[in-house]
Amino acid sequence: MFKVAGKAEIIRSQQKDEYYLTYLRKMSADVVHSLLGARAWITWRRELDLAADLGYFCLTTLSGFQTIGEEYVNIIQVDSSRRHVPSILRRLTMVLFHVLIPYTVRKGLDWLERRLQSHGLQEVPIATREFLLKCIPIARDLVLYTHRLHMAVFYMQGMFYQLAKRFNGVQYLQYTGGAQRVSDDSVSKSFRILGWLTLAQLAGSALLGTRAYLQQTYRKGAGLIGGSDTHSEVGGQVSPGRKCALCLGERSRSSVTPCGHLFCWSCIHDWCATKAECPLCREHVEPHRIVCLQNFDAP
């Protein structure tokens, strides 16, 4: 006996899958860290996560099998008719959309930001470069807000937990084996409340972000914030005082360890996730003792 999978079952399935995906990512990171060293791992950590995710979904969804999370709660993927499993083309599109699109967007925005900051696009007017640099954080926020909005819709309506499944029309049915299950109506109200709270939080974040942007624009127009480019790169080179020893690029959100060394916030936390020591002096470092230096980086 089959019924439409409830929100609780879908969420438990996703949590179980995320647990094993995290395990695969950690194992692949440990292998590369042991064989090639920390610098190679820092350089390729996103690609390693991408490979782990692709491997997991190719061995499960793309091959026509349930994921571990789906098997855990007895749910199966079906197409929009709810009578057939998704075709191989639909499953391939869903996997690529779910794994590759977020990676491509993130890498593309990072590449564009680096090129604009290092003056690599000399043919682009300065005013256009400054405008694009302002738009990149907005684009990142839009991606985050889109994900949160989709989650709010899921909490209120159910059906599609991931954007990739919504665009491909892939739904879930649950096999109950003839046993009587508790109706999803008993928990749907709680999820709807959570959905409305998510929408309220999203609206509040958007309003605060818009207010901060308008205030910054007003102060800059009033001459309180200098509009000139103050980056210290010359010809695309990063000055040694602003270079991260792990990624060898300009530090982003400079953070200091108890021993006094400076790194990117994300780089040093990724490092300490596998080895709790300073990569330069080998002094023991607890992640909670790393301090992000607010207003330290040049504007």
Foldseek 3Di string as FASTA:
>chain_A
DKDFDFPVLVVQLVVVLVVVLVVQLVVQLVVCCVPPNQLVCLQCSLVSSLVSLLVQLCVAQLVPHHHPSCVVQAKAKPALVVPHHDDNVLSVQLSCCQRVPVVVLVVVLVVLLLCLLLVVPVVDDPVVSVVVNVCSVVVVVVVVLVLLLLCLCCLQPNFDNDPSCVVSRMGMMGDPVPDDDDDSVVCSVVSNVVSVVSVVVSVVVVVVVVVVVVVVVVCVVVVNDDPDRDQPHDNSDHDPVQAAPRNRHGADQWKAFPVGDIHHLVSVVVVCVVPQADPPPRHGTDNVRIGRDPPPDDD
